[in-house]
Amino acid sequence: MLELRPSCEGCSKSLPPNATDAMICTYTYTFCGVCALTTLRNVCPNCGGNFQHRPIRTRAQLVKHPARVERIPVSIDETAHASFFERYRDTPAAER
């Protein structure tokens, strides 16, 4: 089951279940579109994968499988990510 995290792990912006700018990696690390595509340049600082738009869960499904309410602490270390990014900058996501 996809974990719907309530906030951006980069800037702490609220990302409710119906947020259209929520982006996730394969492990459901969650970032807003600005952090995922601009700050992180489409490389997850946790797993090295890329980001995709998080799907919207229907209201009926939210009743059965609610979104997470506990926020994840902000955890982007921009200096560390810059060196991490260098390893992946020229490698397409499918080949990382």
PDB file of N, CA and C in Angstrom:
ATOM      1  N   MET A   1       0.855  -1.180   0.000  1.00  0.00           N
ATOM      2  CA  MET A   1       0.000   0.000   0.000  1.00  0.00           C
ATOM      3  C   MET A   1       0.895   1.234   0.000  1.00  0.00           C
ATOM      4  N   LEU A   2       0.613   2.140  -0.890  1.00  0.00           N
ATOM      5  CA  LEU A   2       1.342   3.393  -0.989  1.00  0.00           C
ATOM      6  C   LEU A   2       1.079   4.248   0.244  1.00  0.00           C
ATOM      7  N   GLU A   3       2.139   4.690   0.895  1.00  0.00           N
ATOM      8  CA  GLU A   3       1.981   5.548   2.063  1.00  0.00           C
ATOM      9  C   GLU A   3       1.812   6.989   1.596  1.00  0.00           C
ATOM     10  N   LEU A   4       0.717   7.616   1.991  1.00  0.00           N
ATOM     11  CA  LEU A   4       0.468   9.016   1.635  1.00  0.00           C
ATOM     12  C   LEU A   4       0.981   9.891   2.774  1.00  0.00           C
ATOM     13  N   ARG A   5       2.178  10.413   2.599  1.00  0.00           N
ATOM     14  CA  ARG A   5       2.778  11.256   3.632  1.00  0.00           C
ATOM     15  C   ARG A   5       2.218  12.669   3.512  1.00  0.00           C
ATOM     16  N   PRO A   6       2.015  13.342   4.666  1.00  0.00           N
ATOM     17  CA  PRO A   6       1.270  14.597   4.664  1.00  0.00           C
ATOM     18  C   PRO A   6       2.054  15.867   4.342  1.00  0.00           C
ATOM     19  N   SER A   7       3.383  15.742   4.164  1.00  0.00           N
ATOM     20  CA  SER A   7       4.158  16.963   3.951  1.00  0.00           C
ATOM     21  C   SER A   7       5.423  16.677   3.151  1.00  0.00           C
ATOM     22  N   CYS A   8       5.972  17.741   2.593  1.00  0.00           N
ATOM     23  CA  CYS A   8       7.214  17.661   1.842  1.00  0.00           C
ATOM     24  C   CYS A   8       8.367  17.427   2.807  1.00  0.00           C
ATOM     25  N   GLU A   9       9.214  16.466   2.491  1.00  0.00           N
ATOM     26  CA  GLU A   9      10.361  16.164   3.332  1.00  0.00           C
ATOM     27  C   GLU A   9      11.524  17.109   3.064  1.00  0.00           C
ATOM     28  N   GLY A  10      11.307  18.059   2.151  1.00  0.00           N
ATOM     29  CA  GLY A  10      12.333  19.054   1.855  1.00  0.00           C
ATOM     30  C   GLY A  10      12.048  20.409   2.488  1.00  0.00           C
ATOM     31  N   CYS A  11      10.796  20.881   2.369  1.00  0.00           N
ATOM     32  CA  CYS A  11      10.465  22.223   2.860  1.00  0.00           C
ATOM     33  C   CYS A  11       9.313  22.233   3.853  1.00  0.00           C
ATOM     34  N   SER A  12       8.741  21.078   4.115  1.00  0.00           N
ATOM     35  CA  SER A  12       7.636  20.920   5.069  1.00  0.00           C
ATOM     36  C   SER A  12       6.287  21.442   4.566  1.00  0.00           C
ATOM     37  N   LYS A  13       6.175  21.736   3.280  1.00  0.00           N
ATOM     38  CA  LYS A  13       4.893  22.167   2.717  1.00  0.00           C
ATOM     39  C   LYS A  13       3.858  21.072   2.934  1.00  0.00           C
ATOM     40  N   SER A  14       2.646  21.446   3.286  1.00  0.00           N
ATOM     41  CA  SER A  14       1.567  20.471   3.452  1.00  0.00           C
ATOM     42  C   SER A  14       1.195  19.867   2.105  1.00  0.00           C
ATOM     43  N   LEU A  15       1.056  18.544   2.093  1.00  0.00           N
ATOM     44  CA  LEU A  15       0.670  17.820   0.882  1.00  0.00           C
ATOM     45  C   LEU A  15      -0.469  16.867   1.232  1.00  0.00           C
ATOM     46  N   PRO A  16      -1.704  17.394   1.262  1.00  0.00           N
ATOM     47  CA  PRO A  16      -2.853  16.552   1.590  1.00  0.00           C
ATOM     48  C   PRO A  16      -3.012  15.447   0.542  1.00  0.00           C
ATOM     49  N   PRO A  17      -3.837  14.450   0.818  1.00  0.00           N
ATOM     50  CA  PRO A  17      -3.993  13.325  -0.113  1.00  0.00           C
ATOM     51  C   PRO A  17      -4.363  13.718  -1.537  1.00  0.00           C
ATOM     52  N   ASN A  18      -5.014  14.863  -1.713  1.00  0.00           N
ATOM     53  CA  ASN A  18      -5.409  15.290  -3.057  1.00  0.00           C
ATOM     54  C   ASN A  18      -4.453  16.316  -3.678  1.00  0.00           C
ATOM     55  N   ALA A  19      -3.275  16.474  -3.100  1.00  0.00           N
ATOM     56  CA  ALA A  19      -2.301  17.444  -3.625  1.00  0.00           C
ATOM     57  C   ALA A  19      -1.835  17.014  -5.011  1.00  0.00           C
ATOM     58  N   THR A  20      -1.895  17.931  -5.953  1.00  0.00           N
ATOM     59  CA  THR A  20      -1.482  17.606  -7.323  1.00  0.00           C
ATOM     60  C   THR A  20       0.008  17.832  -7.538  1.00  0.00           C
ATOM     61  N   ASP A  21       0.690  18.448  -6.576  1.00  0.00           N
ATOM     62  CA  ASP A  21       2.127  18.689  -6.730  1.00  0.00           C
ATOM     63  C   ASP A  21       2.981  17.764  -5.857  1.00  0.00           C
ATOM     64  N   ALA A  22       2.375  16.750  -5.254  1.00  0.00           N
ATOM     65  CA  ALA A  22       3.137  15.791  -4.449  1.00  0.00           C
ATOM     66  C   ALA A  22       3.891  14.842  -5.377  1.00  0.00           C
ATOM     67  N   MET A  23       5.162  14.641  -5.089  1.00  0.00           N
ATOM     68  CA  MET A  23       5.999  13.755  -5.899  1.00  0.00           C
ATOM     69  C   MET A  23       6.603  12.709  -4.967  1.00  0.00           C
ATOM     70  N   ILE A  24       6.746  11.484  -5.478  1.00  0.00           N
ATOM     71  CA  ILE A  24       7.298  10.404  -4.668  1.00  0.00           C
ATOM     72  C   ILE A  24       8.360   9.646  -5.464  1.00  0.00           C
ATOM     73  N   CYS A  25       9.243   8.983  -4.710  1.00  0.00           N
ATOM     74  CA  CYS A  25      10.182   8.047  -5.331  1.00  0.00           C
ATOM     75  C   CYS A  25       9.618   6.648  -5.121  1.00  0.00           C
ATOM     76  N   THR A  26      10.350   5.645  -5.493  1.00  0.00           N
ATOM     77  CA  THR A  26       9.870   4.277  -5.382  1.00  0.00           C
ATOM     78  C   THR A  26       9.635   3.827  -3.940  1.00  0.00           C
ATOM     79  N   TYR A  27      10.271   4.496  -2.982  1.00  0.00           N
ATOM     80  CA  TYR A  27      10.089   4.143  -1.569  1.00  0.00           C
ATOM     81  C   TYR A  27       9.113   5.070  -0.859  1.00  0.00           C
ATOM     82  N   THR A  28       8.373   5.854  -1.583  1.00  0.00           N
ATOM     83  CA  THR A  28       7.382   6.827  -1.123  1.00  0.00           C
ATOM     84  C   THR A  28       7.961   7.992  -0.333  1.00  0.00           C
ATOM     85  N   TYR A  29       9.280   8.246  -0.446  1.00  0.00           N
ATOM     86  CA  TYR A  29       9.785   9.512   0.089  1.00  0.00           C
ATOM     87  C   TYR A  29       9.019  10.581  -0.668  1.00  0.00           C
ATOM     88  N   THR A  30       8.547  11.588   0.029  1.00  0.00           N
ATOM     89  CA  THR A  30       7.591  12.531  -0.542  1.00  0.00           C
ATOM     90  C   THR A  30       8.124  13.951  -0.526  1.00  0.00           C
ATOM     91  N   PHE A  31       8.044  14.604  -1.658  1.00  0.00           N
ATOM     92  CA  PHE A  31       8.505  15.988  -1.801  1.00  0.00           C
ATOM     93  C   PHE A  31       7.501  16.758  -2.650  1.00  0.00           C
ATOM     94  N   CYS A  32       7.463  18.069  -2.470  1.00  0.00           N
ATOM     95  CA  CYS A  32       6.633  18.898  -3.344  1.00  0.00           C
ATOM     96  C   CYS A  32       7.341  18.982  -4.696  1.00  0.00           C
ATOM     97  N   GLY A  33       6.635  19.401  -5.706  1.00  0.00           N
ATOM     98  CA  GLY A  33       7.215  19.488  -7.042  1.00  0.00           C
ATOM     99  C   GLY A  33       8.427  20.386  -7.119  1.00  0.00           C
ATOM    100  N   VAL A  34       8.416  21.499  -6.395  1.00  0.00           N
ATOM    101  CA  VAL A  34       9.552  22.426  -6.423  1.00  0.00           C
ATOM    102  C   VAL A  34      10.796  21.761  -5.843  1.00  0.00           C
ATOM    103  N   CYS A  35      10.671  21.131  -4.692  1.00  0.00           N
ATOM    104  CA  CYS A  35      11.828  20.462  -4.085  1.00  0.00           C
ATOM    105  C   CYS A  35      12.305  19.300  -4.955  1.00  0.00           C
ATOM    106  N   ALA A  36      11.378  18.466  -5.444  1.00  0.00           N
ATOM    107  CA  ALA A  36      11.756  17.280  -6.212  1.00  0.00           C
ATOM    108  C   ALA A  36      12.446  17.634  -7.523  1.00  0.00           C
ATOM    109  N   LEU A  37      11.906  18.610  -8.231  1.00  0.00           N
ATOM    110  CA  LEU A  37      12.409  18.886  -9.571  1.00  0.00           C
ATOM    111  C   LEU A  37      13.424  20.010  -9.643  1.00  0.00           C
ATOM    112  N   THR A  38      13.416  20.920  -8.679  1.00  0.00           N
ATOM    113  CA  THR A  38      14.349  22.039  -8.709  1.00  0.00           C
ATOM    114  C   THR A  38      15.498  21.824  -7.729  1.00  0.00           C
ATOM    115  N   THR A  39      15.181  21.745  -6.453  1.00  0.00           N
ATOM    116  CA  THR A  39      16.223  21.594  -5.437  1.00  0.00           C
ATOM    117  C   THR A  39      16.977  20.277  -5.604  1.00  0.00           C
ATOM    118  N   LEU A  40      16.238  19.185  -5.782  1.00  0.00           N
ATOM    119  CA  LEU A  40      16.852  17.855  -5.845  1.00  0.00           C
ATOM    120  C   LEU A  40      17.165  17.398  -7.267  1.00  0.00           C
ATOM    121  N   ARG A  41      16.698  18.151  -8.269  1.00  0.00           N
ATOM    122  CA  ARG A  41      16.960  17.866  -9.682  1.00  0.00           C
ATOM    123  C   ARG A  41      16.589  16.440 -10.085  1.00  0.00           C
ATOM    124  N   ASN A  42      15.450  15.995  -9.562  1.00  0.00           N
ATOM    125  CA  ASN A  42      14.858  14.698  -9.902  1.00  0.00           C
ATOM    126  C   ASN A  42      15.719  13.499  -9.482  1.00  0.00           C
ATOM    127  N   VAL A  43      16.513  13.674  -8.420  1.00  0.00           N
ATOM    128  CA  VAL A  43      17.286  12.570  -7.841  1.00  0.00           C
ATOM    129  C   VAL A  43      16.951  12.525  -6.355  1.00  0.00           C
ATOM    130  N   CYS A  44      16.312  11.449  -5.911  1.00  0.00           N
ATOM    131  CA  CYS A  44      15.935  11.312  -4.506  1.00  0.00           C
ATOM    132  C   CYS A  44      17.193  11.248  -3.645  1.00  0.00           C
ATOM    133  N   PRO A  45      17.277  12.077  -2.600  1.00  0.00           N
ATOM    134  CA  PRO A  45      18.468  12.070  -1.746  1.00  0.00           C
ATOM    135  C   PRO A  45      18.562  10.835  -0.854  1.00  0.00           C
ATOM    136  N   ASN A  46      17.501  10.064  -0.794  1.00  0.00           N
ATOM    137  CA  ASN A  46      17.480   8.877   0.059  1.00  0.00           C
ATOM    138  C   ASN A  46      17.834   7.603  -0.698  1.00  0.00           C
ATOM    139  N   CYS A  47      17.338   7.477  -1.928  1.00  0.00           N
ATOM    140  CA  CYS A  47      17.540   6.217  -2.657  1.00  0.00           C
ATOM    141  C   CYS A  47      18.214   6.383  -4.012  1.00  0.00           C
ATOM    142  N   GLY A  48      18.348   7.623  -4.490  1.00  0.00           N
ATOM    143  CA  GLY A  48      18.977   7.847  -5.793  1.00  0.00           C
ATOM    144  C   GLY A  48      18.036   7.684  -6.968  1.00  0.00           C
ATOM    145  N   GLY A  49      16.787   7.318  -6.702  1.00  0.00           N
ATOM    146  CA  GLY A  49      15.805   7.151  -7.772  1.00  0.00           C
ATOM    147  C   GLY A  49      15.248   8.483  -8.245  1.00  0.00           C
ATOM    148  N   ASN A  50      14.350   8.410  -9.204  1.00  0.00           N
ATOM    149  CA  ASN A  50      13.702   9.619  -9.702  1.00  0.00           C
ATOM    150  C   ASN A  50      12.350   9.795  -9.014  1.00  0.00           C
ATOM    151  N   PHE A  51      11.649  10.845  -9.373  1.00  0.00           N
ATOM    152  CA  PHE A  51      10.346  11.144  -8.793  1.00  0.00           C
ATOM    153  C   PHE A  51       9.244  11.055  -9.841  1.00  0.00           C
ATOM    154  N   GLN A  52       8.055  10.695  -9.373  1.00  0.00           N
ATOM    155  CA  GLN A  52       6.846  10.684 -10.185  1.00  0.00           C
ATOM    156  C   GLN A  52       5.752  11.379  -9.383  1.00  0.00           C
ATOM    157  N   HIS A  53       4.742  11.883 -10.078  1.00  0.00           N
ATOM    158  CA  HIS A  53       3.613  12.477  -9.374  1.00  0.00           C
ATOM    159  C   HIS A  53       2.933  11.399  -8.531  1.00  0.00           C
ATOM    160  N   ARG A  54       2.618  11.750  -7.304  1.00  0.00           N
ATOM    161  CA  ARG A  54       1.924  10.799  -6.426  1.00  0.00           C
ATOM    162  C   ARG A  54       0.475  10.680  -6.881  1.00  0.00           C
ATOM    163  N   PRO A  55      -0.052   9.457  -7.009  1.00  0.00           N
ATOM    164  CA  PRO A  55      -1.452   9.305  -7.414  1.00  0.00           C
ATOM    165  C   PRO A  55      -2.405   9.844  -6.345  1.00  0.00           C
ATOM    166  N   ILE A  56      -3.567  10.230  -6.782  1.00  0.00           N
ATOM    167  CA  ILE A  56      -4.611  10.710  -5.875  1.00  0.00           C
ATOM    168  C   ILE A  56      -5.455   9.507  -5.471  1.00  0.00           C
ATOM    169  N   ARG A  57      -5.632   9.323  -4.180  1.00  0.00           N
ATOM    170  CA  ARG A  57      -6.482   8.233  -3.678  1.00  0.00           C
ATOM    171  C   ARG A  57      -7.911   8.769  -3.563  1.00  0.00           C
ATOM    172  N   THR A  58      -8.875   8.013  -4.021  1.00  0.00           N
ATOM    173  CA  THR A  58     -10.269   8.464  -3.973  1.00  0.00           C
ATOM    174  C   THR A  58     -10.739   8.612  -2.521  1.00  0.00           C
ATOM    175  N   ARG A  59     -11.786   9.396  -2.327  1.00  0.00           N
ATOM    176  CA  ARG A  59     -12.339   9.583  -0.967  1.00  0.00           C
ATOM    177  C   ARG A  59     -12.766   8.252  -0.366  1.00  0.00           C
ATOM    178  N   ALA A  60     -13.388   7.408  -1.176  1.00  0.00           N
ATOM    179  CA  ALA A  60     -13.838   6.106  -0.666  1.00  0.00           C
ATOM    180  C   ALA A  60     -12.641   5.273  -0.203  1.00  0.00           C
ATOM    181  N   GLN A  61     -11.566   5.316  -0.952  1.00  0.00           N
ATOM    182  CA  GLN A  61     -10.378   4.557  -0.564  1.00  0.00           C
ATOM    183  C   GLN A  61      -9.671   5.182   0.644  1.00  0.00           C
ATOM    184  N   LEU A  62      -9.756   6.500   0.788  1.00  0.00           N
ATOM    185  CA  LEU A  62      -9.171   7.156   1.969  1.00  0.00           C
ATOM    186  C   LEU A  62      -9.878   6.719   3.248  1.00  0.00           C
ATOM    187  N   VAL A  63     -11.165   6.420   3.146  1.00  0.00           N
ATOM    188  CA  VAL A  63     -11.897   5.927   4.313  1.00  0.00           C
ATOM    189  C   VAL A  63     -11.333   4.574   4.729  1.00  0.00           C
ATOM    190  N   LYS A  64     -11.092   3.714   3.748  1.00  0.00           N
ATOM    191  CA  LYS A  64     -10.549   2.377   4.032  1.00  0.00           C
ATOM    192  C   LYS A  64      -9.067   2.412   4.381  1.00  0.00           C
ATOM    193  N   HIS A  65      -8.326   3.268   3.691  1.00  0.00           N
ATOM    194  CA  HIS A  65      -6.875   3.340   3.840  1.00  0.00           C
ATOM    195  C   HIS A  65      -6.473   4.808   3.979  1.00  0.00           C
ATOM    196  N   PRO A  66      -6.580   5.354   5.192  1.00  0.00           N
ATOM    197  CA  PRO A  66      -6.317   6.784   5.383  1.00  0.00           C
ATOM    198  C   PRO A  66      -4.857   7.160   5.145  1.00  0.00           C
ATOM    199  N   ALA A  67      -4.680   8.430   4.846  1.00  0.00           N
ATOM    200  CA  ALA A  67      -3.333   8.970   4.679  1.00  0.00           C
ATOM    201  C   ALA A  67      -2.656   9.057   6.049  1.00  0.00           C
ATOM    202  N   ARG A  68      -1.358   9.050   6.014  1.00  0.00           N
ATOM    203  CA  ARG A  68      -0.584   9.201   7.248  1.00  0.00           C
ATOM    204  C   ARG A  68      -0.808  10.614   7.783  1.00  0.00           C
ATOM    205  N   VAL A  69      -0.832  10.781   9.088  1.00  0.00           N
ATOM    206  CA  VAL A  69      -1.001  12.114   9.669  1.00  0.00           C
ATOM    207  C   VAL A  69       0.288  12.646  10.292  1.00  0.00           C
ATOM    208  N   GLU A  70       1.195  11.740  10.698  1.00  0.00           N
ATOM    209  CA  GLU A  70       2.452  12.187  11.290  1.00  0.00           C
ATOM    210  C   GLU A  70       3.354  12.736  10.186  1.00  0.00           C
ATOM    211  N   ARG A  71       3.870  13.922  10.425  1.00  0.00           N
ATOM    212  CA  ARG A  71       4.757  14.541   9.447  1.00  0.00           C
ATOM    213  C   ARG A  71       6.161  13.954   9.558  1.00  0.00           C
ATOM    214  N   ILE A  72       6.848  13.883   8.447  1.00  0.00           N
ATOM    215  CA  ILE A  72       8.230  13.419   8.394  1.00  0.00           C
ATOM    216  C   ILE A  72       9.118  14.656   8.545  1.00  0.00           C
ATOM    217  N   PRO A  73      10.151  14.580   9.377  1.00  0.00           N
ATOM    218  CA  PRO A  73      11.024  15.757   9.533  1.00  0.00           C
ATOM    219  C   PRO A  73      11.708  16.127   8.218  1.00  0.00           C
ATOM    220  N   VAL A  74      11.933  17.411   8.035  1.00  0.00           N
ATOM    221  CA  VAL A  74      12.647  17.911   6.865  1.00  0.00           C
ATOM    222  C   VAL A  74      14.072  17.371   6.922  1.00  0.00           C
ATOM    223  N   SER A  75      14.557  16.852   5.781  1.00  0.00           N
ATOM    224  CA  SER A  75      15.858  16.193   5.851  1.00  0.00           C
ATOM    225  C   SER A  75      16.747  16.380   4.621  1.00  0.00           C
ATOM    226  N   ILE A  76      16.650  17.491   3.939  1.00  0.00           N
ATOM    227  CA  ILE A  76      17.546  17.710   2.799  1.00  0.00           C
ATOM    228  C   ILE A  76      18.803  18.410   3.286  1.00  0.00           C
ATOM    229  N   ASP A  77      19.932  17.759   3.084  1.00  0.00           N
ATOM    230  CA  ASP A  77      21.236  18.374   3.321  1.00  0.00           C
ATOM    231  C   ASP A  77      21.748  18.736   1.934  1.00  0.00           C
ATOM    232  N   GLU A  78      21.625  20.010   1.562  1.00  0.00           N
ATOM    233  CA  GLU A  78      21.924  20.404   0.185  1.00  0.00           C
ATOM    234  C   GLU A  78      23.379  20.154  -0.202  1.00  0.00           C
ATOM    235  N   THR A  79      24.307  20.298   0.727  1.00  0.00           N
ATOM    236  CA  THR A  79      25.717  20.035   0.422  1.00  0.00           C
ATOM    237  C   THR A  79      25.934  18.554   0.139  1.00  0.00           C
ATOM    238  N   ALA A  80      25.393  17.704   0.998  1.00  0.00           N
ATOM    239  CA  ALA A  80      25.525  16.261   0.788  1.00  0.00           C
ATOM    240  C   ALA A  80      24.825  15.846  -0.500  1.00  0.00           C
ATOM    241  N   HIS A  81      23.660  16.433  -0.778  1.00  0.00           N
ATOM    242  CA  HIS A  81      22.930  16.060  -1.990  1.00  0.00           C
ATOM    243  C   HIS A  81      23.689  16.480  -3.236  1.00  0.00           C
ATOM    244  N   ALA A  82      24.402  17.582  -3.194  1.00  0.00           N
ATOM    245  CA  ALA A  82      25.159  18.022  -4.366  1.00  0.00           C
ATOM    246  C   ALA A  82      26.187  16.967  -4.774  1.00  0.00           C
ATOM    247  N   SER A  83      26.901  16.391  -3.816  1.00  0.00           N
ATOM    248  CA  SER A  83      27.872  15.358  -4.168  1.00  0.00           C
ATOM    249  C   SER A  83      27.165  14.061  -4.571  1.00  0.00           C
ATOM    250  N   PHE A  84      26.050  13.754  -3.923  1.00  0.00           N
ATOM    251  CA  PHE A  84      25.239  12.590  -4.274  1.00  0.00           C
ATOM    252  C   PHE A  84      24.740  12.734  -5.709  1.00  0.00           C
ATOM    253  N   PHE A  85      24.267  13.933  -6.050  1.00  0.00           N
ATOM    254  CA  PHE A  85      23.743  14.214  -7.387  1.00  0.00           C
ATOM    255  C   PHE A  85      24.818  14.015  -8.452  1.00  0.00           C
ATOM    256  N   GLU A  86      26.048  14.394  -8.146  1.00  0.00           N
ATOM    257  CA  GLU A  86      27.135  14.252  -9.109  1.00  0.00           C
ATOM    258  C   GLU A  86      27.295  12.811  -9.588  1.00  0.00           C
ATOM    259  N   ARG A  87      27.043  11.840  -8.720  1.00  0.00           N
ATOM    260  CA  ARG A  87      27.147  10.432  -9.108  1.00  0.00           C
ATOM    261  C   ARG A  87      26.102  10.056 -10.152  1.00  0.00           C
ATOM    262  N   TYR A  88      24.959  10.741 -10.144  1.00  0.00           N
ATOM    263  CA  TYR A  88      23.824  10.363 -10.990  1.00  0.00           C
ATOM    264  C   TYR A  88      23.481  11.354 -12.095  1.00  0.00           C
ATOM    265  N   ARG A  89      24.119  12.468 -12.138  1.00  0.00           N
ATOM    266  CA  ARG A  89      23.706  13.539 -13.055  1.00  0.00           C
ATOM    267  C   ARG A  89      23.612  13.100 -14.504  1.00  0.00           C
ATOM    268  N   ASP A  90      24.480  12.230 -14.961  1.00  0.00           N
ATOM    269  CA  ASP A  90      24.474  11.814 -16.374  1.00  0.00           C
ATOM    270  C   ASP A  90      23.904  10.425 -16.589  1.00  0.00           C
ATOM    271  N   THR A  91      23.338   9.829 -15.533  1.00  0.00           N
ATOM    272  CA  THR A  91      22.782   8.479 -15.640  1.00  0.00           C
ATOM    273  C   THR A  91      21.262   8.558 -15.634  1.00  0.00           C
ATOM    274  N   PRO A  92      20.611   8.114 -16.704  1.00  0.00           N
ATOM    275  CA  PRO A  92      19.135   8.123 -16.705  1.00  0.00           C
ATOM    276  C   PRO A  92      18.576   7.309 -15.541  1.00  0.00           C
ATOM    277  N   ALA A  93      17.433   7.702 -15.060  1.00  0.00           N
ATOM    278  CA  ALA A  93      16.823   7.043 -13.891  1.00  0.00           C
ATOM    279  C   ALA A  93      16.703   5.538 -14.072  1.00  0.00           C
ATOM    280  N   ALA A  94      16.390   5.081 -15.258  1.00  0.00           N
ATOM    281  CA  ALA A  94      16.220   3.650 -15.510  1.00  0.00           C
ATOM    282  C   ALA A  94      17.524   2.867 -15.441  1.00  0.00           C
ATOM    283  N   GLU A  95      18.654   3.577 -15.437  1.00  0.00           N
ATOM    284  CA  GLU A  95      19.956   2.918 -15.402  1.00  0.00           C
ATOM    285  C   GLU A  95      20.728   3.140 -14.110  1.00  0.00           C
ATOM    286  N   ARG A  96      20.141   3.817 -13.152  1.00  0.00           N
ATOM    287  CA  ARG A  96      20.848   4.082 -11.890  1.00  0.00           C
ATOM    288  C   ARG A  96      20.961   2.861 -11.061  1.00  0.00           C
TER     289      ARG A  96
END
